[in-house]
Protein backbone atom coordinates (compact mmCIF):
# COMPACT_ATOMS: atom_id res chain seq x y z
CA UNK A 1 46.78 -8.93 25.40
CA UNK A 2 49.29 -6.59 23.78
CA UNK A 3 48.53 -2.90 23.94
CA UNK A 4 48.78 -0.91 20.77
CA UNK A 5 51.17 1.99 21.10
CA UNK A 6 49.49 5.31 20.28
CA UNK A 7 50.77 6.61 17.00
CA UNK A 8 51.32 10.16 15.91
CA UNK A 9 49.55 11.43 12.82
CA UNK A 10 48.84 14.78 11.24
CA UNK A 11 45.22 15.56 10.43
CA UNK A 12 43.70 18.43 8.47
CA UNK A 13 41.01 20.19 10.50
CA UNK A 14 39.20 21.16 7.31
CA UNK A 15 38.85 17.88 5.41
CA UNK A 16 40.14 15.25 7.88
CA UNK A 17 42.91 14.16 5.49
CA UNK A 18 45.71 12.27 7.26
CA UNK A 19 49.41 12.66 6.43
CA UNK A 20 52.56 11.18 7.93
CA UNK A 21 54.29 14.50 8.49
CA UNK A 22 53.37 18.12 9.01
CA UNK A 23 52.90 20.25 5.93
CA UNK A 24 51.93 23.85 5.48
CA UNK A 25 49.27 23.11 2.87
CA UNK A 26 46.84 20.22 2.94
CA UNK A 27 47.04 17.98 -0.12
CA UNK A 28 43.38 17.06 0.21
CA UNK A 29 41.66 20.45 0.23
CA UNK A 30 44.62 22.81 -0.52
CA UNK A 31 43.94 24.79 2.68
CA UNK A 32 46.87 26.48 4.42
CA UNK A 33 47.86 25.99 8.08
CA UNK A 34 45.05 23.56 8.87
CA UNK A 35 47.14 20.48 9.72
CA UNK A 36 47.49 19.63 13.39
CA UNK A 37 49.34 16.89 15.22
CA UNK A 38 47.24 14.17 16.83
CA UNK A 39 49.03 11.75 19.12
CA UNK A 40 46.29 9.56 20.56
CA UNK A 41 44.29 8.52 17.51
CA UNK A 42 42.39 5.94 19.53
CA UNK A 43 40.39 8.56 21.40
CA UNK A 44 38.77 9.62 18.14
CA UNK A 45 36.89 6.36 17.75
CA UNK A 46 33.12 6.39 17.72
CA UNK A 47 32.86 4.63 21.10
CA UNK A 48 35.21 4.05 23.99
CA UNK A 49 37.54 1.21 23.06
CA UNK A 50 37.03 -0.86 26.21
CA UNK A 51 39.02 -4.09 26.13
CA UNK A 52 36.61 -7.00 25.87
CA UNK A 53 37.03 -10.66 25.03
CA UNK A 54 35.53 -12.09 21.90
CA UNK A 55 32.10 -13.68 22.33
CA UNK A 56 30.94 -16.80 20.54
CA UNK A 57 27.96 -15.95 18.37
CA UNK A 58 26.04 -19.07 19.41
CA UNK A 59 26.33 -18.08 23.08
CA UNK A 60 25.47 -14.41 22.56
CA UNK A 61 22.21 -13.22 24.12
CA UNK A 62 19.65 -11.05 22.39
CA UNK A 63 18.41 -8.26 24.62
CA UNK A 64 15.33 -6.57 23.26
CA UNK A 65 15.24 -2.95 24.38
CA UNK A 66 11.74 -1.64 25.12
CA UNK A 67 10.86 0.93 22.51
CA UNK A 68 9.20 4.29 23.07
CA UNK A 69 6.14 4.15 20.77
CA UNK A 70 4.70 7.41 19.51
CA UNK A 71 1.12 8.37 18.73
CA UNK A 72 1.99 8.79 15.04
CA UNK A 73 1.61 5.46 13.24
CA UNK A 74 3.52 6.79 10.24
CA UNK A 75 6.56 7.78 12.31
CA UNK A 76 6.43 4.47 14.18
CA UNK A 77 6.34 2.65 10.84
CA UNK A 78 9.57 4.27 9.67
CA UNK A 79 11.34 3.85 13.03
CA UNK A 80 10.38 0.18 13.21
CA UNK A 81 7.91 0.49 16.09
CA UNK A 82 9.20 3.44 18.10
CA UNK A 83 12.35 5.04 19.47
CA UNK A 84 14.96 2.63 20.86
CA UNK A 85 16.67 3.75 24.11
CA UNK A 86 20.31 4.64 23.57
CA UNK A 87 19.90 5.06 19.82
CA UNK A 88 21.20 7.95 17.74
CA UNK A 89 18.72 9.12 15.10
CA UNK A 90 19.54 11.54 12.29
CA UNK A 91 16.74 13.49 10.56
CA UNK A 92 17.67 15.42 7.42
CA UNK A 93 15.67 17.46 4.95
CA UNK A 94 15.45 20.70 3.01
CA UNK A 95 15.07 24.01 4.88
CA UNK A 96 11.47 24.66 5.84
CA UNK A 97 10.35 21.10 5.18
CA UNK A 98 9.16 20.58 8.77
CA UNK A 99 12.03 18.90 10.63
CA UNK A 100 11.86 21.16 13.68
CA UNK A 101 8.07 20.92 13.75
CA UNK A 102 8.15 17.13 13.78
CA UNK A 103 10.84 16.96 16.46
CA UNK A 104 9.05 19.47 18.68
CA UNK A 105 5.89 17.38 18.45
CA UNK A 106 7.82 14.19 19.29
CA UNK A 107 9.65 15.89 22.18
CA UNK A 108 6.41 17.27 23.63
CA UNK A 109 4.68 13.87 23.40
CA UNK A 110 7.53 12.06 25.16
CA UNK A 111 7.67 14.79 27.82
CA UNK A 112 3.93 14.52 28.52
CA UNK A 113 3.83 10.73 28.75
CA UNK A 114 7.23 9.75 30.15
CA UNK A 115 9.77 12.13 31.67
CA UNK A 116 11.70 15.30 30.94
CA UNK A 117 13.01 16.02 27.45
CA UNK A 118 15.88 18.36 26.57
CA UNK A 119 15.59 20.26 23.30
CA UNK A 120 18.94 21.82 22.34
CA UNK A 121 18.73 24.41 19.60
CA UNK A 122 21.62 26.23 18.02
CA UNK A 123 19.59 27.96 15.32
CA UNK A 124 16.67 29.50 17.22
CA UNK A 125 16.10 31.36 20.46
CA UNK A 126 13.87 30.14 23.26
CA UNK A 127 11.18 32.65 22.27
CA UNK A 128 11.14 31.36 18.70
CA UNK A 129 10.69 27.79 19.89
CA UNK A 130 7.94 29.00 22.25
CA UNK A 131 6.12 30.69 19.35
CA UNK A 132 6.18 27.45 17.35
CA UNK A 133 4.97 25.51 20.38
CA UNK A 134 2.04 27.91 20.79
CA UNK A 135 1.08 27.45 17.13
CA UNK A 136 1.16 23.68 17.58
CA UNK A 137 -0.81 23.80 20.81
CA UNK A 138 2.06 22.37 22.89
CA UNK A 139 1.96 23.16 26.59
CA UNK A 140 5.65 22.41 27.18
CA UNK A 141 5.22 20.33 30.31
CA UNK A 142 8.57 18.71 31.28
CA UNK A 143 10.09 20.01 28.03
CA UNK A 144 13.27 22.04 28.56
CA UNK A 145 14.77 24.30 25.88
CA UNK A 146 18.52 24.99 25.79
CA UNK A 147 20.05 27.48 23.38
CA UNK A 148 23.62 26.23 23.08
CA UNK A 149 26.20 25.34 20.45
CA UNK A 150 29.12 24.33 22.70
CA UNK A 151 29.28 20.54 22.96
CA UNK A 152 30.93 20.75 26.39
CA UNK A 153 28.09 22.84 27.83
CA UNK A 154 25.52 20.63 26.11
CA UNK A 155 26.93 17.44 27.61
CA UNK A 156 27.12 19.09 31.03
CA UNK A 157 23.44 19.99 30.81
CA UNK A 158 22.61 16.45 29.68
CA UNK A 159 24.45 15.05 32.69
CA UNK A 160 22.51 17.35 34.97
CA UNK A 161 19.05 16.83 33.44
CA UNK A 162 19.30 13.11 32.55
CA UNK A 163 16.32 13.39 30.18
CA UNK A 164 14.33 10.56 28.65
CA UNK A 165 15.02 12.01 25.19
CA UNK A 166 17.37 14.66 23.83
CA UNK A 167 17.02 16.60 20.57
CA UNK A 168 19.94 18.43 18.93
CA UNK A 169 18.85 20.99 16.33
CA UNK A 170 21.17 20.90 14.50
CA UNK A 171 24.44 18.96 14.49
CA UNK A 172 26.00 21.48 12.07
CA UNK A 173 25.76 24.24 14.70
CA UNK A 174 27.56 22.32 17.44
CA UNK A 175 31.29 22.80 17.99
CA UNK A 176 34.04 21.40 20.20
CA UNK A 177 36.25 24.17 21.66
CA UNK A 178 39.24 21.80 21.74
CA UNK A 179 39.33 21.83 17.93
CA UNK A 180 40.61 24.85 16.07
CA UNK A 181 38.28 24.46 13.08
CA UNK A 182 35.06 26.42 12.57
CA UNK A 183 31.58 25.12 13.51
CA UNK A 184 30.03 23.12 10.69
CA UNK A 185 33.44 21.87 9.60
CA UNK A 186 33.98 18.20 8.82
CA UNK A 187 36.13 17.68 11.90
CA UNK A 188 33.65 19.50 14.16
CA UNK A 189 30.62 17.55 12.95
CA UNK A 190 32.40 14.25 13.28
CA UNK A 191 33.74 14.90 16.78
CA UNK A 192 30.49 16.36 18.14
CA UNK A 193 28.48 13.45 16.77
CA UNK A 194 30.97 11.00 18.27
CA UNK A 195 30.70 12.55 21.72
CA UNK A 196 26.91 12.62 21.60
CA UNK A 197 26.85 8.99 20.46
CA UNK A 198 29.18 8.02 23.28
CA UNK A 199 27.04 9.82 25.88
CA UNK A 200 23.79 8.34 24.60
CA UNK A 201 25.09 4.77 24.59
CA UNK A 202 26.61 5.14 28.06
CA UNK A 203 23.41 6.55 29.59
CA UNK A 204 20.89 4.59 27.48
CA UNK A 205 19.22 7.81 26.35
CA UNK A 206 18.02 8.23 22.75
CA UNK A 207 19.20 11.31 20.88
CA UNK A 208 17.73 12.79 17.72
CA UNK A 209 19.91 15.01 15.53
CA UNK A 210 18.79 17.21 12.67
CA UNK A 211 21.08 17.68 9.71
CA UNK A 212 21.32 20.16 6.88
CA UNK A 213 21.31 18.98 3.29
CA UNK A 214 23.24 20.22 0.29
CA UNK A 215 21.64 21.47 -2.92
CA UNK A 216 22.09 17.96 -4.28
CA UNK A 217 19.91 16.54 -1.49
CA UNK A 218 22.70 14.83 0.48
CA UNK A 219 23.41 15.39 4.17
CA UNK A 220 25.90 18.20 4.60
CA UNK A 221 29.17 17.30 6.30
CA UNK A 222 31.13 14.06 6.40
CA UNK A 223 29.62 10.91 4.98
CA UNK A 224 30.81 9.13 8.10
CA UNK A 225 27.99 10.86 9.99
CA UNK A 226 25.46 8.55 8.34
CA UNK A 227 27.60 5.54 9.27
CA UNK A 228 27.82 6.59 12.91
CA UNK A 229 24.11 6.98 13.59
CA UNK A 230 21.74 4.08 14.19
CA UNK A 231 18.85 5.49 12.17
CA UNK A 232 18.98 7.93 9.25
CA UNK A 233 15.73 9.50 8.06
CA UNK A 234 15.01 11.88 5.20
CA UNK A 235 11.99 14.16 5.05
CA UNK A 236 10.95 14.83 1.47
CA UNK A 237 8.29 16.97 -0.14
CA UNK A 238 7.59 20.31 -1.69
CA UNK A 239 7.69 23.25 0.70
CA UNK A 240 4.65 24.70 -1.10
CA UNK A 241 2.66 21.46 -0.94
CA UNK A 242 1.33 20.01 2.31
CA UNK A 243 2.45 16.41 1.77
CA UNK A 244 5.61 15.14 3.46
CA UNK A 245 7.32 11.76 3.04
CA UNK A 246 9.43 10.43 5.90
CA UNK A 247 11.82 7.92 4.36
CA UNK A 248 14.18 5.62 6.24
CA UNK A 249 17.52 5.10 4.51
CA UNK A 250 19.21 3.32 7.44
CA UNK A 251 17.78 1.54 10.46
CA UNK A 252 19.72 -0.83 12.69
CA UNK A 253 16.54 -1.70 14.58
CA UNK A 254 14.12 -2.26 11.71
CA UNK A 255 13.51 -2.26 7.98
CA UNK A 256 14.57 0.53 5.65
CA UNK A 257 11.75 -0.33 3.22
CA UNK A 258 9.23 1.83 5.02
CA UNK A 259 7.88 5.27 4.17
CA UNK A 260 5.63 7.44 6.30
CA UNK A 261 3.19 9.89 4.71
CA UNK A 262 2.42 13.05 6.68
CA UNK A 263 0.50 16.22 6.02
CA UNK A 264 1.52 19.66 7.19
CA UNK A 265 -1.43 21.43 8.78
CA UNK A 266 -1.90 24.52 10.91
CA UNK A 267 -1.63 22.30 14.00
CA UNK A 268 1.57 20.58 12.84
CA UNK A 269 2.27 17.32 11.04
CA UNK A 270 -0.54 14.78 10.97
CA UNK A 271 -0.73 11.19 9.70
CA UNK A 272 -2.34 10.55 6.33
CA UNK A 273 -4.57 7.55 6.93
CA UNK A 274 -5.12 6.66 3.27
CA UNK A 275 -2.34 8.22 1.15
CA UNK A 276 -3.56 6.83 -2.21
CA UNK A 277 -7.05 8.26 -1.77
CA UNK A 278 -5.64 11.60 -0.63
CA UNK A 279 -3.32 11.90 -3.64
CA UNK A 280 -6.21 11.25 -6.07
CA UNK A 281 -8.79 13.34 -4.25
CA UNK A 282 -8.54 16.35 -6.60
CA UNK A 283 -8.11 14.38 -9.83
CA UNK A 284 -10.66 15.54 -12.44
CA UNK A 285 -12.58 12.88 -14.34
CA UNK A 286 -11.75 12.39 -18.03
CA UNK A 287 -8.77 14.75 -17.83
CA UNK A 288 -6.48 14.83 -20.86
CA UNK A 289 -2.85 13.95 -20.12
CA UNK A 290 -3.60 12.30 -16.76
CA UNK A 291 -2.75 8.70 -15.84
CA UNK A 292 -2.77 6.91 -12.48
CA UNK A 293 0.28 4.79 -11.67
CA UNK A 294 0.70 2.39 -8.73
CA UNK A 295 4.20 3.00 -7.38
CA UNK A 296 6.05 1.38 -4.51
CA UNK A 297 7.37 3.51 -1.68
CA UNK A 298 9.18 1.08 0.55
CA UNK A 299 6.84 -1.82 1.33
CA UNK A 300 3.64 0.06 0.58
CA UNK A 301 1.92 0.71 -2.73
CA UNK A 302 0.68 4.22 -3.48
CA UNK A 303 -1.48 5.46 -6.33
CA UNK A 304 -0.22 8.72 -7.80
CA UNK A 305 -1.43 10.85 -10.65
CA UNK A 306 1.00 11.70 -13.43
CA UNK A 307 0.13 14.68 -15.58
CA UNK A 308 1.68 15.60 -18.92
CA UNK A 309 1.34 18.57 -21.25
CA UNK A 310 2.58 18.88 -24.82
CA UNK A 311 2.66 22.22 -26.63
CA UNK A 312 4.27 23.44 -29.86
CA UNK A 313 7.74 24.68 -29.10
CA UNK A 314 8.73 28.26 -29.83
CA UNK A 315 12.46 27.52 -29.70
CA UNK A 316 14.62 25.36 -31.99
CA UNK A 317 15.30 22.80 -29.25
CA UNK A 318 12.08 21.69 -27.53
CA UNK A 319 12.13 21.56 -23.75
CA UNK A 320 11.70 18.48 -21.61
CA UNK A 321 10.66 19.49 -18.10
CA UNK A 322 9.96 17.02 -15.29
CA UNK A 323 8.73 17.71 -11.76
CA UNK A 324 8.84 14.69 -9.46
CA UNK A 325 10.16 12.43 -12.22
CA UNK A 326 13.72 11.76 -13.35
CA UNK A 327 14.63 14.08 -16.23
CA UNK A 328 16.90 11.51 -17.88
CA UNK A 329 14.14 8.90 -17.94
CA UNK A 330 11.81 11.52 -19.44
CA UNK A 331 14.22 11.93 -22.35
CA UNK A 332 14.27 8.15 -22.78
CA UNK A 333 10.47 7.91 -22.76
CA UNK A 334 10.09 10.79 -25.23
CA UNK A 335 12.54 9.13 -27.64
CA UNK A 336 10.68 5.83 -27.52
CA UNK A 337 7.33 7.61 -27.99
CA UNK A 338 8.69 9.24 -31.14
CA UNK A 339 9.65 5.81 -32.49
CA UNK A 340 6.15 4.57 -31.62
CA UNK A 341 4.61 6.99 -34.14
CA UNK A 342 4.04 10.20 -32.15
CA UNK A 343 6.39 12.95 -33.37
CA UNK A 344 7.49 15.05 -30.43
CA UNK A 345 10.41 16.78 -32.13
CA UNK A 346 8.55 20.08 -32.38
CA UNK A 347 6.76 19.96 -29.04
CA UNK A 348 7.66 20.92 -25.51
CA UNK A 349 6.90 18.14 -23.01
CA UNK A 350 6.12 18.89 -19.37
CA UNK A 351 5.55 16.09 -16.85
CA UNK A 352 4.37 16.57 -13.28
CA UNK A 353 3.77 14.14 -10.41
CA UNK A 354 0.98 15.58 -8.28
CA UNK A 355 1.20 15.86 -4.53
CA UNK A 356 4.87 16.86 -4.50
CA UNK A 357 6.02 13.24 -4.68
CA UNK A 358 9.23 12.14 -6.35
CA UNK A 359 9.17 8.93 -8.38
CA UNK A 360 12.44 7.18 -9.14
CA UNK A 361 11.40 3.66 -10.14
CA UNK A 362 11.19 2.68 -13.86
CA UNK A 363 7.75 1.10 -13.32
CA UNK A 364 6.21 4.53 -13.91
CA UNK A 365 7.54 4.74 -17.49
CA UNK A 366 4.38 3.35 -19.07
CA UNK A 367 2.16 5.78 -17.17
CA UNK A 368 4.35 8.74 -18.18
CA UNK A 369 4.30 7.66 -21.82
CA UNK A 370 0.50 7.30 -21.85
CA UNK A 371 0.08 10.71 -20.22
CA UNK A 372 2.28 12.34 -22.88
CA UNK A 373 0.46 10.53 -25.69
CA UNK A 374 -2.90 11.48 -24.19
CA UNK A 375 -1.97 15.15 -24.18
CA UNK A 376 -0.59 14.96 -27.72
CA UNK A 377 -3.69 13.23 -29.15
CA UNK A 378 -6.04 15.25 -26.93
CA UNK A 379 -7.80 12.07 -25.85
CA UNK A 380 -8.30 11.20 -22.16
CA UNK A 381 -7.27 7.83 -20.77
CA UNK A 382 -10.03 5.78 -19.17
CA UNK A 383 -10.90 7.07 -15.72
CA UNK A 384 -10.83 3.52 -14.28
CA UNK A 385 -7.46 2.58 -15.85
CA UNK A 386 -4.10 2.32 -14.06
CA UNK A 387 -0.80 1.57 -15.81
CA UNK A 388 2.42 -0.01 -14.62
CA UNK A 389 5.48 -1.11 -16.59
CA UNK A 390 9.01 -0.19 -17.64
CA UNK A 391 9.66 1.06 -21.16
CA UNK A 392 12.69 -0.36 -22.95
CA UNK A 393 14.73 1.39 -25.64
CA UNK A 394 13.24 -0.79 -28.38
CA UNK A 395 9.72 0.03 -27.26
CA UNK A 396 9.04 -3.16 -25.32
CA UNK A 397 7.16 -3.08 -22.02
CA UNK A 398 9.04 -4.81 -19.23
CA UNK A 399 7.68 -6.27 -16.01
CA UNK A 400 7.59 -4.29 -12.77
CA UNK A 401 8.38 -5.89 -9.41
CA UNK A 402 5.55 -6.78 -7.02
CA UNK A 403 2.80 -6.25 -9.56
CA UNK A 404 0.24 -8.04 -7.40
CA UNK A 405 0.66 -5.55 -4.56
CA UNK A 406 0.23 -2.64 -6.97
CA UNK A 407 -2.93 -3.91 -8.63
CA UNK A 408 -4.53 -4.75 -5.29
CA UNK A 409 -4.12 -1.16 -4.23
CA UNK A 410 -5.65 0.01 -7.53
CA UNK A 411 -8.56 -2.39 -7.11
CA UNK A 412 -9.17 -1.18 -3.56
CA UNK A 413 -9.78 2.36 -4.83
CA UNK A 414 -12.22 1.29 -7.54
CA UNK A 415 -10.03 0.88 -10.64
CA UNK A 416 -11.34 -1.78 -13.02
CA UNK A 417 -8.48 -2.07 -15.52
CA UNK A 418 -4.72 -2.19 -15.16
CA UNK A 419 -2.35 -1.98 -18.12
CA UNK A 420 0.50 -4.42 -17.47
CA UNK A 421 3.31 -5.98 -19.55
CA UNK A 422 2.28 -9.05 -21.54
CA UNK A 423 4.91 -11.22 -19.86
CA UNK A 424 3.58 -10.49 -16.37
CA UNK A 425 3.74 -13.66 -14.32
CA UNK A 426 0.49 -15.62 -14.70
CA UNK A 427 0.80 -16.64 -11.06
CA UNK A 428 0.16 -13.03 -10.13
CA UNK A 429 -3.51 -13.17 -9.28
CA UNK A 430 -5.52 -10.07 -10.05
CA UNK A 431 -8.51 -9.19 -7.88
CA UNK A 432 -11.88 -10.26 -9.24
CA UNK A 433 -12.96 -6.65 -9.70
CA UNK A 434 -9.92 -5.75 -11.82
CA UNK A 435 -9.02 -6.87 -15.33
CA UNK A 436 -5.50 -7.11 -16.77
CA UNK A 437 -4.87 -5.38 -20.11
CA UNK A 438 -1.64 -6.95 -21.37
CA UNK A 439 0.56 -5.18 -23.91
CA UNK A 440 3.87 -6.07 -25.55
CA UNK A 441 5.01 -2.71 -26.89
CA UNK A 442 4.47 0.96 -26.19
CA UNK A 443 2.85 1.47 -29.61
CA UNK A 444 0.31 -1.23 -28.79
CA UNK A 445 -0.46 0.38 -25.43
CA UNK A 446 -0.98 3.83 -26.99
CA UNK A 447 -3.24 2.53 -29.77
CA UNK A 448 -5.26 0.46 -27.29
CA UNK A 449 -5.93 3.30 -24.84
CA UNK A 450 -5.89 6.30 -27.17
CA UNK A 451 -7.61 6.12 -30.58
CA UNK A 452 -6.27 8.22 -33.46
CA UNK A 453 -7.49 11.81 -33.78
CA UNK A 454 -7.19 14.59 -36.27
CA UNK A 455 -4.28 16.14 -34.35
CA UNK A 456 -1.88 13.41 -35.53
CA UNK A 457 -2.50 14.15 -39.20
CA UNK A 458 -2.17 17.88 -38.51
CA UNK A 459 1.13 17.31 -36.71
CA UNK A 460 2.55 15.15 -39.48
CA UNK A 461 1.46 17.63 -42.11
């Protein structure tokens, strides 16, 4: 087989842009004196490029690696059954969301039941990690803490310890001294992740990395980082609220349609056995502007409460505020509600999804519209009613996917009625204890659930 001659290229250490010749200023990021010469581009691959012959797919063998199951059913659900040896897992989330707490609990569990675990931290001291461990009631048996940001020293310690699991908190703090760029730079993150991936695959040791996120919610650093890892997880939730959602966005060993629901307590993160019941636990009966919506988070259906408040606006342009719901879809729903006969032009509209959840699917449109109309007419929606459906621009109610799974979850928690689009598939069988209320348009849904009151005539006048 012919060997490819190493080529020479010039790479910017700030943005990883490649050029054919050296230049004083990078054309990609406009930085000065950041372009270096790189002769052996092959060594910057994700894995060692060992020469191997092609294998026929029909003759390839499937080797199932034994997973490392955890005591948390919710974490196991997202991982696909446990941690796979030799895998590289990336956990990202907002500051203070609980990433370090979750990883310390996982590291302590693996250390107690299997073998030694190395926890590498570049953001905290050993005493700080010890204080968190004391709060969580972790003894620290066979759990080693290393305060280090140099990738060379980290790999040397990994070679010496040979742990059953390694945690890097975080990948943005690691740096390679052979590169001239600063820690947290695109080139540094990419090279450090590549070397950790190479070590983990060669030694069949799973590694878990934590990653920072930008203000837009994306993982900070190069996008290639998400392509390199085997599993990418996001931890979502409100730092003030106790609920946390562990969402899988990439999983080479399982499904990405899984979401784990956790609760932050004084003793750390704990599984939520029945998320739907927990989210509706504090819902008042006969509350105005409150509607329950069955939403899908991955493969599981969850019941969430959507609250809405309308109030006369004191400014020329009324405000539309959404917490946990897409602001652009709120504008769409408010416009359609106005066409349905409820004038919102002089009212501020505030929508909130309780529990700190974030809903992105259009199936919650009908529930949001009913909550707004309920607040405007000052009439509560039936306490045993759930609503699911997408609102179109002409006011029609469109079908939502997997309606049967949604209504079964509503029926399990005692709901007796479910407002669904009229064209919902008849083959979708509703439980015997739940009745379908079919509607064609948003105006029909509002008039069915919310009778007219004096407030409408006052608003029109």
